[in-house]
Amino acid sequence: MAGYAVGGTARAAGKFNFTVRLAELNEDLEQLNAEAHLLEERIAEHVERLLEQVTK
């Protein structure tokens, strides 16, 4: 089964533009990374508050 990818779909020749798709995926990744960073900051703040309450 050379060239077979699990979950892949057949594409007609010339219908898939790798550069465009890679740019789209990169934009998605940048957005997800930004959201992850915000969540990371919120979690750190909450942990800090919890630790302050425990040590009082």
C-alpha atoms as a PDB file:
ATOM      1  CA  MET A   1       0.000   0.000   0.000  1.00  0.00           C
ATOM      2  CA  ALA A   2       2.632   2.517  -0.952  1.00  0.00           C
ATOM      3  CA  GLY A   3       1.408   6.089  -0.648  1.00  0.00           C
ATOM      4  CA  TYR A   4      -1.628   5.145   1.426  1.00  0.00           C
ATOM      5  CA  ALA A   5      -2.432   7.456   4.357  1.00  0.00           C
ATOM      6  CA  VAL A   6      -4.936   6.491   7.017  1.00  0.00           C
ATOM      7  CA  GLY A   7      -7.731   9.031   7.060  1.00  0.00           C
ATOM      8  CA  GLY A   8      -6.486  10.652   3.876  1.00  0.00           C
ATOM      9  CA  THR A   9      -8.795  11.537   1.052  1.00  0.00           C
ATOM     10  CA  ALA A  10      -8.128  11.236  -2.645  1.00  0.00           C
ATOM     11  CA  ARG A  11      -7.485  14.565  -4.353  1.00  0.00           C
ATOM     12  CA  ALA A  12      -7.692  15.297  -8.023  1.00  0.00           C
ATOM     13  CA  ALA A  13      -4.383  16.365  -9.518  1.00  0.00           C
ATOM     14  CA  GLY A  14      -3.980  20.142  -9.406  1.00  0.00           C
ATOM     15  CA  LYS A  15      -6.774  20.703  -6.880  1.00  0.00           C
ATOM     16  CA  PHE A  16      -4.501  20.907  -3.839  1.00  0.00           C
ATOM     17  CA  ASN A  17      -2.200  23.882  -3.317  1.00  0.00           C
ATOM     18  CA  PHE A  18       0.326  22.913  -0.657  1.00  0.00           C
ATOM     19  CA  THR A  19       1.597  26.461  -0.127  1.00  0.00           C
ATOM     20  CA  VAL A  20      -1.891  27.880   0.428  1.00  0.00           C
ATOM     21  CA  ARG A  21      -2.857  25.047   2.769  1.00  0.00           C
ATOM     22  CA  LEU A  22       0.380  25.371   4.744  1.00  0.00           C
ATOM     23  CA  ALA A  23      -0.246  29.107   5.164  1.00  0.00           C
ATOM     24  CA  GLU A  24      -3.797  28.400   6.390  1.00  0.00           C
ATOM     25  CA  LEU A  25      -2.552  25.835   8.879  1.00  0.00           C
ATOM     26  CA  ASN A  26       0.139  28.220  10.079  1.00  0.00           C
ATOM     27  CA  GLU A  27      -2.479  30.907  10.725  1.00  0.00           C
ATOM     28  CA  ASP A  28      -4.521  28.397  12.707  1.00  0.00           C
ATOM     29  CA  LEU A  29      -1.443  27.403  14.687  1.00  0.00           C
ATOM     30  CA  GLU A  30      -0.596  31.023  15.489  1.00  0.00           C
ATOM     31  CA  GLN A  31      -4.144  31.598  16.775  1.00  0.00           C
ATOM     32  CA  LEU A  32      -4.072  28.437  18.881  1.00  0.00           C
ATOM     33  CA  ASN A  33      -0.673  29.380  20.320  1.00  0.00           C
ATOM     34  CA  ALA A  34      -1.992  32.833  21.275  1.00  0.00           C
ATOM     35  CA  GLU A  35      -5.021  31.274  22.982  1.00  0.00           C
ATOM     36  CA  ALA A  36      -2.782  28.762  24.768  1.00  0.00           C
ATOM     37  CA  HIS A  37      -0.580  31.583  26.054  1.00  0.00           C
ATOM     38  CA  LEU A  38      -3.604  33.407  27.495  1.00  0.00           C
ATOM     39  CA  LEU A  39      -4.762  30.221  29.194  1.00  0.00           C
ATOM     40  CA  GLU A  40      -1.268  29.643  30.555  1.00  0.00           C
ATOM     41  CA  GLU A  41      -1.299  33.119  32.118  1.00  0.00           C
ATOM     42  CA  ARG A  42      -4.754  32.589  33.656  1.00  0.00           C
ATOM     43  CA  ILE A  43      -3.726  29.256  35.124  1.00  0.00           C
ATOM     44  CA  ALA A  44      -0.564  30.762  36.600  1.00  0.00           C
ATOM     45  CA  GLU A  45      -2.615  33.564  38.192  1.00  0.00           C
ATOM     46  CA  HIS A  46      -5.080  31.072  39.676  1.00  0.00           C
ATOM     47  CA  VAL A  47      -2.314  28.878  41.048  1.00  0.00           C
ATOM     48  CA  GLU A  48      -0.691  31.942  42.611  1.00  0.00           C
ATOM     49  CA  ARG A  49      -3.992  32.905  44.287  1.00  0.00           C
ATOM     50  CA  LEU A  50      -4.510  29.379  45.571  1.00  0.00           C
ATOM     51  CA  LEU A  51      -1.013  29.254  47.002  1.00  0.00           C
ATOM     52  CA  GLU A  52      -1.550  32.617  48.718  1.00  0.00           C
ATOM     53  CA  GLN A  53      -4.744  31.316  50.343  1.00  0.00           C
ATOM     54  CA  VAL A  54      -3.099  28.111  51.509  1.00  0.00           C
ATOM     55  CA  THR A  55      -0.139  29.900  53.074  1.00  0.00           C
ATOM     56  CA  LYS A  56      -2.274  32.421  55.047  1.00  0.00           C
END
